Amino acid sequence: IVLPWMLGYLLSWWPLETFPRGWVAAAIWGLIATPVIVVAGWREH
């Protein structure tokens, strides 16, 4: 669910240039989702 949100914000910044802060929102969503990806690779005790 984060991927289209992140991509939408990124594309609104570049190349469409309709939302100047799109790169910030894309980066935030990407950073928020990163721990999920990391934990998915963890082995549980």
ModelCIF file with pLDDT and N, C-alpha, C, O atoms, coordinates in Angstrom:
data_MODEL
#
_entry.id   MODEL 
#
_entity.id                         1 
_entity.type                       polymer 
_entity.pdbx_number_of_molecules   1 
#
_entity_poly.entity_id                      1 
_entity_poly.type                           'polypeptide(L)' 
_entity_poly.nstd_linkage                   no 
_entity_poly.nstd_monomer                   no 
_entity_poly.pdbx_seq_one_letter_code       IVLPWMLGYLLSWWPLETFPRGWVAAAIWGLIATPVIVVAGWREH 
_entity_poly.pdbx_seq_one_letter_code_can   IVLPWMLGYLLSWWPLETFPRGWVAAAIWGLIATPVIVVAGWREH 
_entity_poly.pdbx_strand_id                 A 
#
loop_
_entity_poly_seq.entity_id 
_entity_poly_seq.num 
_entity_poly_seq.mon_id 
_entity_poly_seq.hetero 
1 1  ILE n 
1 2  VAL n 
1 3  LEU n 
1 4  PRO n 
1 5  TRP n 
1 6  MET n 
1 7  LEU n 
1 8  GLY n 
1 9  TYR n 
1 10 LEU n 
1 11 LEU n 
1 12 SER n 
1 13 TRP n 
1 14 TRP n 
1 15 PRO n 
1 16 LEU n 
1 17 GLU n 
1 18 THR n 
1 19 PHE n 
1 20 PRO n 
1 21 ARG n 
1 22 GLY n 
1 23 TRP n 
1 24 VAL n 
1 25 ALA n 
1 26 ALA n 
1 27 ALA n 
1 28 ILE n 
1 29 TRP n 
1 30 GLY n 
1 31 LEU n 
1 32 ILE n 
1 33 ALA n 
1 34 THR n 
1 35 PRO n 
1 36 VAL n 
1 37 ILE n 
1 38 VAL n 
1 39 VAL n 
1 40 ALA n 
1 41 GLY n 
1 42 TRP n 
1 43 ARG n 
1 44 GLU n 
1 45 HIS n 
#
_struct_asym.id          A 
_struct_asym.entity_id   1 
#
loop_
_ma_qa_metric.id 
_ma_qa_metric.mode 
_ma_qa_metric.name 
_ma_qa_metric.software_group_id 
_ma_qa_metric.type 
1 global pLDDT . pLDDT 
2 local  pLDDT . pLDDT 
#
_ma_qa_metric_global.metric_id      1 
_ma_qa_metric_global.metric_value   95.20 
_ma_qa_metric_global.model_id       1 
_ma_qa_metric_global.ordinal_id     1 
#
loop_
_ma_qa_metric_local.label_asym_id 
_ma_qa_metric_local.label_comp_id 
_ma_qa_metric_local.label_seq_id 
_ma_qa_metric_local.metric_id 
_ma_qa_metric_local.metric_value 
_ma_qa_metric_local.model_id 
_ma_qa_metric_local.ordinal_id 
A ILE 1  2 98.00 1 1  
A VAL 2  2 98.00 1 2  
A LEU 3  2 98.00 1 3  
A PRO 4  2 97.00 1 4  
A TRP 5  2 96.00 1 5  
A MET 6  2 97.00 1 6  
A LEU 7  2 97.00 1 7  
A GLY 8  2 96.00 1 8  
A TYR 9  2 97.00 1 9  
A LEU 10 2 96.00 1 10 
A LEU 11 2 96.00 1 11 
A SER 12 2 95.00 1 12 
A TRP 13 2 96.00 1 13 
A TRP 14 2 94.00 1 14 
A PRO 15 2 93.00 1 15 
A LEU 16 2 89.00 1 16 
A GLU 17 2 91.00 1 17 
A THR 18 2 93.00 1 18 
A PHE 19 2 95.00 1 19 
A PRO 20 2 95.00 1 20 
A ARG 21 2 95.00 1 21 
A GLY 22 2 96.00 1 22 
A TRP 23 2 97.00 1 23 
A VAL 24 2 97.00 1 24 
A ALA 25 2 97.00 1 25 
A ALA 26 2 97.00 1 26 
A ALA 27 2 98.00 1 27 
A ILE 28 2 98.00 1 28 
A TRP 29 2 97.00 1 29 
A GLY 30 2 97.00 1 30 
A LEU 31 2 98.00 1 31 
A ILE 32 2 97.00 1 32 
A ALA 33 2 97.00 1 33 
A THR 34 2 97.00 1 34 
A PRO 35 2 97.00 1 35 
A VAL 36 2 97.00 1 36 
A ILE 37 2 96.00 1 37 
A VAL 38 2 97.00 1 38 
A VAL 39 2 96.00 1 39 
A ALA 40 2 96.00 1 40 
A GLY 41 2 94.00 1 41 
A TRP 42 2 93.00 1 42 
A ARG 43 2 91.00 1 43 
A GLU 44 2 85.00 1 44 
A HIS 45 2 77.00 1 45 
#
loop_
_atom_site.group_PDB 
_atom_site.id 
_atom_site.type_symbol 
_atom_site.label_atom_id 
_atom_site.label_alt_id 
_atom_site.label_comp_id 
_atom_site.label_asym_id 
_atom_site.label_entity_id 
_atom_site.label_seq_id 
_atom_site.pdbx_PDB_ins_code 
_atom_site.Cartn_x 
_atom_site.Cartn_y 
_atom_site.Cartn_z 
_atom_site.occupancy 
_atom_site.B_iso_or_equiv 
_atom_site.pdbx_formal_charge 
_atom_site.auth_seq_id 
_atom_site.auth_comp_id 
_atom_site.auth_asym_id 
_atom_site.auth_atom_id 
_atom_site.pdbx_PDB_model_num 
ATOM 1   N N  . ILE A 1 1  ? 0.825  -1.208  0.000   1.00 98.00 ? 1  ILE A N  1 
ATOM 2   C CA . ILE A 1 1  ? 0.000  0.000   0.000   1.00 98.00 ? 1  ILE A CA 1 
ATOM 3   C C  . ILE A 1 1  ? 0.864  1.265   0.000   1.00 98.00 ? 1  ILE A C  1 
ATOM 4   O O  . ILE A 1 1  ? 0.425  2.312   -0.477  1.00 98.00 ? 1  ILE A O  1 
ATOM 5   N N  . VAL A 1 2  ? 2.075  1.177   0.525   1.00 98.00 ? 2  VAL A N  1 
ATOM 6   C CA . VAL A 1 2  ? 2.948  2.350   0.567   1.00 98.00 ? 2  VAL A CA 1 
ATOM 7   C C  . VAL A 1 2  ? 3.545  2.656   -0.807  1.00 98.00 ? 2  VAL A C  1 
ATOM 8   O O  . VAL A 1 2  ? 3.769  3.819   -1.140  1.00 98.00 ? 2  VAL A O  1 
ATOM 9   N N  . LEU A 1 3  ? 3.802  1.623   -1.600  1.00 98.00 ? 3  LEU A N  1 
ATOM 10  C CA . LEU A 1 3  ? 4.485  1.829   -2.884  1.00 98.00 ? 3  LEU A CA 1 
ATOM 11  C C  . LEU A 1 3  ? 3.756  2.802   -3.821  1.00 98.00 ? 3  LEU A C  1 
ATOM 12  O O  . LEU A 1 3  ? 4.396  3.724   -4.326  1.00 98.00 ? 3  LEU A O  1 
ATOM 13  N N  . PRO A 1 4  ? 2.451  2.641   -4.077  1.00 97.00 ? 4  PRO A N  1 
ATOM 14  C CA . PRO A 1 4  ? 1.804  3.617   -4.961  1.00 97.00 ? 4  PRO A CA 1 
ATOM 15  C C  . PRO A 1 4  ? 1.771  5.014   -4.340  1.00 97.00 ? 4  PRO A C  1 
ATOM 16  O O  . PRO A 1 4  ? 1.873  6.012   -5.054  1.00 97.00 ? 4  PRO A O  1 
ATOM 17  N N  . TRP A 1 5  ? 1.630  5.089   -3.036  1.00 96.00 ? 5  TRP A N  1 
ATOM 18  C CA . TRP A 1 5  ? 1.617  6.383   -2.339  1.00 96.00 ? 5  TRP A CA 1 
ATOM 19  C C  . TRP A 1 5  ? 2.953  7.083   -2.540  1.00 96.00 ? 5  TRP A C  1 
ATOM 20  O O  . TRP A 1 5  ? 3.002  8.265   -2.878  1.00 96.00 ? 5  TRP A O  1 
ATOM 21  N N  . MET A 1 6  ? 4.027  6.346   -2.331  1.00 97.00 ? 6  MET A N  1 
ATOM 22  C CA . MET A 1 6  ? 5.372  6.877   -2.485  1.00 97.00 ? 6  MET A CA 1 
ATOM 23  C C  . MET A 1 6  ? 5.640  7.281   -3.938  1.00 97.00 ? 6  MET A C  1 
ATOM 24  O O  . MET A 1 6  ? 6.163  8.362   -4.208  1.00 97.00 ? 6  MET A O  1 
ATOM 25  N N  . LEU A 1 7  ? 5.278  6.407   -4.851  1.00 97.00 ? 7  LEU A N  1 
ATOM 26  C CA . LEU A 1 7  ? 5.492  6.687   -6.273  1.00 97.00 ? 7  LEU A CA 1 
ATOM 27  C C  . LEU A 1 7  ? 4.653  7.871   -6.739  1.00 97.00 ? 7  LEU A C  1 
ATOM 28  O O  . LEU A 1 7  ? 5.129  8.699   -7.515  1.00 97.00 ? 7  LEU A O  1 
ATOM 29  N N  . GLY A 1 8  ? 3.410  7.958   -6.275  1.00 96.00 ? 8  GLY A N  1 
ATOM 30  C CA . GLY A 1 8  ? 2.556  9.088   -6.638  1.00 96.00 ? 8  GLY A CA 1 
ATOM 31  C C  . GLY A 1 8  ? 3.148  10.418  -6.202  1.00 96.00 ? 8  GLY A C  1 
ATOM 32  O O  . GLY A 1 8  ? 3.151  11.387  -6.961  1.00 96.00 ? 8  GLY A O  1 
ATOM 33  N N  . TYR A 1 9  ? 3.648  10.455  -4.976  1.00 97.00 ? 9  TYR A N  1 
ATOM 34  C CA . TYR A 1 9  ? 4.277  11.686  -4.488  1.00 97.00 ? 9  TYR A CA 1 
ATOM 35  C C  . TYR A 1 9  ? 5.547  12.001  -5.256  1.00 97.00 ? 9  TYR A C  1 
ATOM 36  O O  . TYR A 1 9  ? 5.804  13.157  -5.592  1.00 97.00 ? 9  TYR A O  1 
ATOM 37  N N  . LEU A 1 10 ? 6.342  10.975  -5.536  1.00 96.00 ? 10 LEU A N  1 
ATOM 38  C CA . LEU A 1 10 ? 7.593  11.193  -6.257  1.00 96.00 ? 10 LEU A CA 1 
ATOM 39  C C  . LEU A 1 10 ? 7.339  11.730  -7.661  1.00 96.00 ? 10 LEU A C  1 
ATOM 40  O O  . LEU A 1 10 ? 8.009  12.663  -8.104  1.00 96.00 ? 10 LEU A O  1 
ATOM 41  N N  . LEU A 1 11 ? 6.373  11.142  -8.357  1.00 96.00 ? 11 LEU A N  1 
ATOM 42  C CA . LEU A 1 11 ? 6.059  11.599  -9.709  1.00 96.00 ? 11 LEU A CA 1 
ATOM 43  C C  . LEU A 1 11 ? 5.384  12.964  -9.715  1.00 96.00 ? 11 LEU A C  1 
ATOM 44  O O  . LEU A 1 11 ? 5.476  13.694  -10.702 1.00 96.00 ? 11 LEU A O  1 
ATOM 45  N N  . SER A 1 12 ? 4.710  13.316  -8.633  1.00 95.00 ? 12 SER A N  1 
ATOM 46  C CA . SER A 1 12 ? 4.109  14.660  -8.565  1.00 95.00 ? 12 SER A CA 1 
ATOM 47  C C  . SER A 1 12 ? 5.186  15.728  -8.411  1.00 95.00 ? 12 SER A C  1 
ATOM 48  O O  . SER A 1 12 ? 4.976  16.891  -8.755  1.00 95.00 ? 12 SER A O  1 
ATOM 49  N N  . TRP A 1 13 ? 6.336  15.320  -7.891  1.00 96.00 ? 13 TRP A N  1 
ATOM 50  C CA . TRP A 1 13 ? 7.454  16.250  -7.768  1.00 96.00 ? 13 TRP A CA 1 
ATOM 51  C C  . TRP A 1 13 ? 8.237  16.303  -9.078  1.00 96.00 ? 13 TRP A C  1 
ATOM 52  O O  . TRP A 1 13 ? 8.506  17.379  -9.612  1.00 96.00 ? 13 TRP A O  1 
ATOM 53  N N  . TRP A 1 14 ? 8.598  15.130  -9.586  1.00 94.00 ? 14 TRP A N  1 
ATOM 54  C CA . TRP A 1 14 ? 9.327  15.053  -10.843 1.00 94.00 ? 14 TRP A CA 1 
ATOM 55  C C  . TRP A 1 14 ? 8.873  13.823  -11.586 1.00 94.00 ? 14 TRP A C  1 
ATOM 56  O O  . TRP A 1 14 ? 8.965  12.737  -11.012 1.00 94.00 ? 14 TRP A O  1 
ATOM 57  N N  . PRO A 1 15 ? 8.416  13.889  -12.748 1.00 93.00 ? 15 PRO A N  1 
ATOM 58  C CA . PRO A 1 15 ? 8.555  14.933  -13.752 1.00 93.00 ? 15 PRO A CA 1 
ATOM 59  C C  . PRO A 1 15 ? 7.360  15.896  -13.838 1.00 93.00 ? 15 PRO A C  1 
ATOM 60  O O  . PRO A 1 15 ? 7.445  16.902  -14.542 1.00 93.00 ? 15 PRO A O  1 
ATOM 61  N N  . LEU A 1 16 ? 6.271  15.619  -13.153 1.00 89.00 ? 16 LEU A N  1 
ATOM 62  C CA . LEU A 1 16 ? 5.062  16.435  -13.323 1.00 89.00 ? 16 LEU A CA 1 
ATOM 63  C C  . LEU A 1 16 ? 5.182  17.825  -12.719 1.00 89.00 ? 16 LEU A C  1 
ATOM 64  O O  . LEU A 1 16 ? 4.561  18.765  -13.216 1.00 89.00 ? 16 LEU A O  1 
ATOM 65  N N  . GLU A 1 17 ? 5.961  17.974  -11.666 1.00 91.00 ? 17 GLU A N  1 
ATOM 66  C CA . GLU A 1 17 ? 6.185  19.255  -10.998 1.00 91.00 ? 17 GLU A CA 1 
ATOM 67  C C  . GLU A 1 17 ? 4.900  19.924  -10.527 1.00 91.00 ? 17 GLU A C  1 
ATOM 68  O O  . GLU A 1 17 ? 4.777  21.148  -10.583 1.00 91.00 ? 17 GLU A O  1 
ATOM 69  N N  . THR A 1 18 ? 3.940  19.120  -10.060 1.00 93.00 ? 18 THR A N  1 
ATOM 70  C CA . THR A 1 18 ? 2.692  19.679  -9.529  1.00 93.00 ? 18 THR A CA 1 
ATOM 71  C C  . THR A 1 18 ? 2.729  19.826  -8.014  1.00 93.00 ? 18 THR A C  1 
ATOM 72  O O  . THR A 1 18 ? 1.888  20.511  -7.432  1.00 93.00 ? 18 THR A O  1 
ATOM 73  N N  . PHE A 1 19 ? 3.699  19.186  -7.380  1.00 95.00 ? 19 PHE A N  1 
ATOM 74  C CA . PHE A 1 19 ? 3.804  19.240  -5.925  1.00 95.00 ? 19 PHE A CA 1 
ATOM 75  C C  . PHE A 1 19 ? 5.274  19.333  -5.548  1.00 95.00 ? 19 PHE A C  1 
ATOM 76  O O  . PHE A 1 19 ? 5.960  18.312  -5.498  1.00 95.00 ? 19 PHE A O  1 
ATOM 77  N N  . PRO A 1 20 ? 5.778  20.548  -5.277  1.00 95.00 ? 20 PRO A N  1 
ATOM 78  C CA . PRO A 1 20 ? 7.207  20.741  -5.018  1.00 95.00 ? 20 PRO A CA 1 
ATOM 79  C C  . PRO A 1 20 ? 7.759  19.926  -3.847  1.00 95.00 ? 20 PRO A C  1 
ATOM 80  O O  . PRO A 1 20 ? 8.948  19.606  -3.826  1.00 95.00 ? 20 PRO A O  1 
ATOM 81  N N  . ARG A 1 21 ? 6.925  19.593  -2.891  1.00 95.00 ? 21 ARG A N  1 
ATOM 82  C CA . ARG A 1 21 ? 7.390  18.819  -1.736  1.00 95.00 ? 21 ARG A CA 1 
ATOM 83  C C  . ARG A 1 21 ? 7.146  17.322  -1.912  1.00 95.00 ? 21 ARG A C  1 
ATOM 84  O O  . ARG A 1 21 ? 7.250  16.564  -0.949  1.00 95.00 ? 21 ARG A O  1 
ATOM 85  N N  . GLY A 1 22 ? 6.827  16.897  -3.111  1.00 96.00 ? 22 GLY A N  1 
ATOM 86  C CA . GLY A 1 22 ? 6.551  15.485  -3.362  1.00 96.00 ? 22 GLY A CA 1 
ATOM 87  C C  . GLY A 1 22 ? 7.705  14.575  -2.999  1.00 96.00 ? 22 GLY A C  1 
ATOM 88  O O  . GLY A 1 22 ? 7.494  13.466  -2.509  1.00 96.00 ? 22 GLY A O  1 
ATOM 89  N N  . TRP A 1 23 ? 8.920  15.034  -3.235  1.00 97.00 ? 23 TRP A N  1 
ATOM 90  C CA . TRP A 1 23 ? 10.087 14.208  -2.900  1.00 97.00 ? 23 TRP A CA 1 
ATOM 91  C C  . TRP A 1 23 ? 10.192 13.992  -1.398  1.00 97.00 ? 23 TRP A C  1 
ATOM 92  O O  . TRP A 1 23 ? 10.640 12.936  -0.950  1.00 97.00 ? 23 TRP A O  1 
ATOM 93  N N  . VAL A 1 24 ? 9.778  14.994  -0.611  1.00 97.00 ? 24 VAL A N  1 
ATOM 94  C CA . VAL A 1 24 ? 9.823  14.865  0.849   1.00 97.00 ? 24 VAL A CA 1 
ATOM 95  C C  . VAL A 1 24 ? 8.818  13.803  1.298   1.00 97.00 ? 24 VAL A C  1 
ATOM 96  O O  . VAL A 1 24 ? 9.154  12.918  2.085   1.00 97.00 ? 24 VAL A O  1 
ATOM 97  N N  . ALA A 1 25 ? 7.589  13.895  0.795   1.00 97.00 ? 25 ALA A N  1 
ATOM 98  C CA . ALA A 1 25 ? 6.556  12.925  1.166   1.00 97.00 ? 25 ALA A CA 1 
ATOM 99  C C  . ALA A 1 25 ? 6.954  11.521  0.723   1.00 97.00 ? 25 ALA A C  1 
ATOM 100 O O  . ALA A 1 25 ? 6.750  10.558  1.462   1.00 97.00 ? 25 ALA A O  1 
ATOM 101 N N  . ALA A 1 26 ? 7.522  11.399  -0.478  1.00 97.00 ? 26 ALA A N  1 
ATOM 102 C CA . ALA A 1 26 ? 7.967  10.090  -0.967  1.00 97.00 ? 26 ALA A CA 1 
ATOM 103 C C  . ALA A 1 26 ? 9.061  9.521   -0.063  1.00 97.00 ? 26 ALA A C  1 
ATOM 104 O O  . ALA A 1 26 ? 9.046  8.336   0.268   1.00 97.00 ? 26 ALA A O  1 
ATOM 105 N N  . ALA A 1 27 ? 10.000 10.364  0.328   1.00 98.00 ? 27 ALA A N  1 
ATOM 106 C CA . ALA A 1 27 ? 11.087 9.909   1.204   1.00 98.00 ? 27 ALA A CA 1 
ATOM 107 C C  . ALA A 1 27 ? 10.544 9.491   2.569   1.00 98.00 ? 27 ALA A C  1 
ATOM 108 O O  . ALA A 1 27 ? 10.970 8.479   3.125   1.00 98.00 ? 27 ALA A O  1 
ATOM 109 N N  . ILE A 1 28 ? 9.611  10.266  3.107   1.00 98.00 ? 28 ILE A N  1 
ATOM 110 C CA . ILE A 1 28 ? 9.043  9.929   4.409   1.00 98.00 ? 28 ILE A CA 1 
ATOM 111 C C  . ILE A 1 28 ? 8.337  8.579   4.355   1.00 98.00 ? 28 ILE A C  1 
ATOM 112 O O  . ILE A 1 28 ? 8.549  7.738   5.229   1.00 98.00 ? 28 ILE A O  1 
ATOM 113 N N  . TRP A 1 29 ? 7.500  8.360   3.341   1.00 97.00 ? 29 TRP A N  1 
ATOM 114 C CA . TRP A 1 29 ? 6.794  7.077   3.242   1.00 97.00 ? 29 TRP A CA 1 
ATOM 115 C C  . TRP A 1 29 ? 7.782  5.932   3.047   1.00 97.00 ? 29 TRP A C  1 
ATOM 116 O O  . TRP A 1 29 ? 7.592  4.849   3.601   1.00 97.00 ? 29 TRP A O  1 
ATOM 117 N N  . GLY A 1 30 ? 8.833  6.161   2.267   1.00 97.00 ? 30 GLY A N  1 
ATOM 118 C CA . GLY A 1 30 ? 9.846  5.124   2.087   1.00 97.00 ? 30 GLY A CA 1 
ATOM 119 C C  . GLY A 1 30 ? 10.570 4.791   3.380   1.00 97.00 ? 30 GLY A C  1 
ATOM 120 O O  . GLY A 1 30 ? 10.825 3.624   3.676   1.00 97.00 ? 30 GLY A O  1 
ATOM 121 N N  . LEU A 1 31 ? 10.900 5.824   4.148   1.00 98.00 ? 31 LEU A N  1 
ATOM 122 C CA . LEU A 1 31 ? 11.587 5.605   5.424   1.00 98.00 ? 31 LEU A CA 1 
ATOM 123 C C  . LEU A 1 31 ? 10.669 4.971   6.459   1.00 98.00 ? 31 LEU A C  1 
ATOM 124 O O  . LEU A 1 31 ? 11.124 4.185   7.289   1.00 98.00 ? 31 LEU A O  1 
ATOM 125 N N  . ILE A 1 32 ? 9.399  5.299   6.420   1.00 97.00 ? 32 ILE A N  1 
ATOM 126 C CA . ILE A 1 32 ? 8.455  4.686   7.347   1.00 97.00 ? 32 ILE A CA 1 
ATOM 127 C C  . ILE A 1 32 ? 8.317  3.189   7.047   1.00 97.00 ? 32 ILE A C  1 
ATOM 128 O O  . ILE A 1 32 ? 8.181  2.383   7.968   1.00 97.00 ? 32 ILE A O  1 
ATOM 129 N N  . ALA A 1 33 ? 8.352  2.821   5.776   1.00 97.00 ? 33 ALA A N  1 
ATOM 130 C CA . ALA A 1 33 ? 8.171  1.422   5.388   1.00 97.00 ? 33 ALA A CA 1 
ATOM 131 C C  . ALA A 1 33 ? 9.446  0.590   5.545   1.00 97.00 ? 33 ALA A C  1 
ATOM 132 O O  . ALA A 1 33 ? 9.374  -0.638  5.586   1.00 97.00 ? 33 ALA A O  1 
ATOM 133 N N  . THR A 1 34 ? 10.593 1.229   5.631   1.00 97.00 ? 34 THR A N  1 
ATOM 134 C CA . THR A 1 34 ? 11.858 0.498   5.706   1.00 97.00 ? 34 THR A CA 1 
ATOM 135 C C  . THR A 1 34 ? 11.927 -0.479  6.885   1.00 97.00 ? 34 THR A C  1 
ATOM 136 O O  . THR A 1 34 ? 12.345 -1.620  6.686   1.00 97.00 ? 34 THR A O  1 
ATOM 137 N N  . PRO A 1 35 ? 11.535 -0.082  8.107   1.00 97.00 ? 35 PRO A N  1 
ATOM 138 C CA . PRO A 1 35 ? 11.586 -1.071  9.199   1.00 97.00 ? 35 PRO A CA 1 
ATOM 139 C C  . PRO A 1 35 ? 10.717 -2.300  8.944   1.00 97.00 ? 35 PRO A C  1 
ATOM 140 O O  . PRO A 1 35 ? 11.044 -3.392  9.409   1.00 97.00 ? 35 PRO A O  1 
ATOM 141 N N  . VAL A 1 36 ? 9.632  -2.140  8.224   1.00 97.00 ? 36 VAL A N  1 
ATOM 142 C CA . VAL A 1 36 ? 8.776  -3.286  7.907   1.00 97.00 ? 36 VAL A CA 1 
ATOM 143 C C  . VAL A 1 36 ? 9.560  -4.284  7.062   1.00 97.00 ? 36 VAL A C  1 
ATOM 144 O O  . VAL A 1 36 ? 9.503  -5.490  7.300   1.00 97.00 ? 36 VAL A O  1 
ATOM 145 N N  . ILE A 1 37 ? 10.281 -3.783  6.088   1.00 96.00 ? 37 ILE A N  1 
ATOM 146 C CA . ILE A 1 37 ? 11.080 -4.646  5.216   1.00 96.00 ? 37 ILE A CA 1 
ATOM 147 C C  . ILE A 1 37 ? 12.198 -5.318  6.015   1.00 96.00 ? 37 ILE A C  1 
ATOM 148 O O  . ILE A 1 37 ? 12.479 -6.501  5.823   1.00 96.00 ? 37 ILE A O  1 
ATOM 149 N N  . VAL A 1 38 ? 12.829 -4.564  6.904   1.00 97.00 ? 38 VAL A N  1 
ATOM 150 C CA . VAL A 1 38 ? 13.912 -5.119  7.732   1.00 97.00 ? 38 VAL A CA 1 
ATOM 151 C C  . VAL A 1 38 ? 13.381 -6.222  8.639   1.00 97.00 ? 38 VAL A C  1 
ATOM 152 O O  . VAL A 1 38 ? 13.965 -7.304  8.709   1.00 97.00 ? 38 VAL A O  1 
ATOM 153 N N  . VAL A 1 39 ? 12.287 -5.958  9.326   1.00 96.00 ? 39 VAL A N  1 
ATOM 154 C CA . VAL A 1 39 ? 11.733 -6.935  10.269  1.00 96.00 ? 39 VAL A CA 1 
ATOM 155 C C  . VAL A 1 39 ? 11.230 -8.173  9.536   1.00 96.00 ? 39 VAL A C  1 
ATOM 156 O O  . VAL A 1 39 ? 11.279 -9.274  10.086  1.00 96.00 ? 39 VAL A O  1 
ATOM 157 N N  . ALA A 1 40 ? 10.749 -8.015  8.313   1.00 96.00 ? 40 ALA A N  1 
ATOM 158 C CA . ALA A 1 40 ? 10.279 -9.170  7.545   1.00 96.00 ? 40 ALA A CA 1 
ATOM 159 C C  . ALA A 1 40 ? 11.396 -10.192 7.351   1.00 96.00 ? 40 ALA A C  1 
ATOM 160 O O  . ALA A 1 40 ? 11.125 -11.382 7.190   1.00 96.00 ? 40 ALA A O  1 
ATOM 161 N N  . GLY A 1 41 ? 12.636 -9.744  7.366   1.00 94.00 ? 41 GLY A N  1 
ATOM 162 C CA . GLY A 1 41 ? 13.776 -10.646 7.208   1.00 94.00 ? 41 GLY A CA 1 
ATOM 163 C C  . GLY A 1 41 ? 14.311 -11.209 8.508   1.00 94.00 ? 41 GLY A C  1 
ATOM 164 O O  . GLY A 1 41 ? 15.184 -12.077 8.493   1.00 94.00 ? 41 GLY A O  1 
ATOM 165 N N  . TRP A 1 42 ? 13.803 -10.731 9.628   1.00 93.00 ? 42 TRP A N  1 
ATOM 166 C CA . TRP A 1 42 ? 14.262 -11.229 10.927  1.00 93.00 ? 42 TRP A CA 1 
ATOM 167 C C  . TRP A 1 42 ? 13.739 -12.625 11.182  1.00 93.00 ? 42 TRP A C  1 
ATOM 168 O O  . TRP A 1 42 ? 12.628 -12.978 10.787  1.00 93.00 ? 42 TRP A O  1 
ATOM 169 N N  . ARG A 1 43 ? 14.555 -13.401 11.843  1.00 91.00 ? 43 ARG A N  1 
ATOM 170 C CA . ARG A 1 43 ? 14.096 -14.699 12.341  1.00 91.00 ? 43 ARG A CA 1 
ATOM 171 C C  . ARG A 1 43 ? 13.666 -14.489 13.779  1.00 91.00 ? 43 ARG A C  1 
ATOM 172 O O  . ARG A 1 43 ? 14.353 -13.825 14.556  1.00 91.00 ? 43 ARG A O  1 
ATOM 173 N N  . GLU A 1 44 ? 12.550 -15.046 14.119  1.00 85.00 ? 44 GLU A N  1 
ATOM 174 C CA . GLU A 1 44 ? 12.024 -14.921 15.481  1.00 85.00 ? 44 GLU A CA 1 
ATOM 175 C C  . GLU A 1 44 ? 12.738 -15.904 16.387  1.00 85.00 ? 44 GLU A C  1 
ATOM 176 O O  . GLU A 1 44 ? 13.066 -17.014 15.968  1.00 85.00 ? 44 GLU A O  1 
ATOM 177 N N  . HIS A 1 45 ? 12.980 -15.502 17.627  1.00 77.00 ? 45 HIS A N  1 
ATOM 178 C CA . HIS A 1 45 ? 13.562 -16.419 18.613  1.00 77.00 ? 45 HIS A CA 1 
ATOM 179 C C  . HIS A 1 45 ? 12.578 -17.553 18.865  1.00 77.00 ? 45 HIS A C  1 
ATOM 180 O O  . HIS A 1 45 ? 12.857 -18.448 19.664  1.00 77.00 ? 45 HIS A O  1 
#
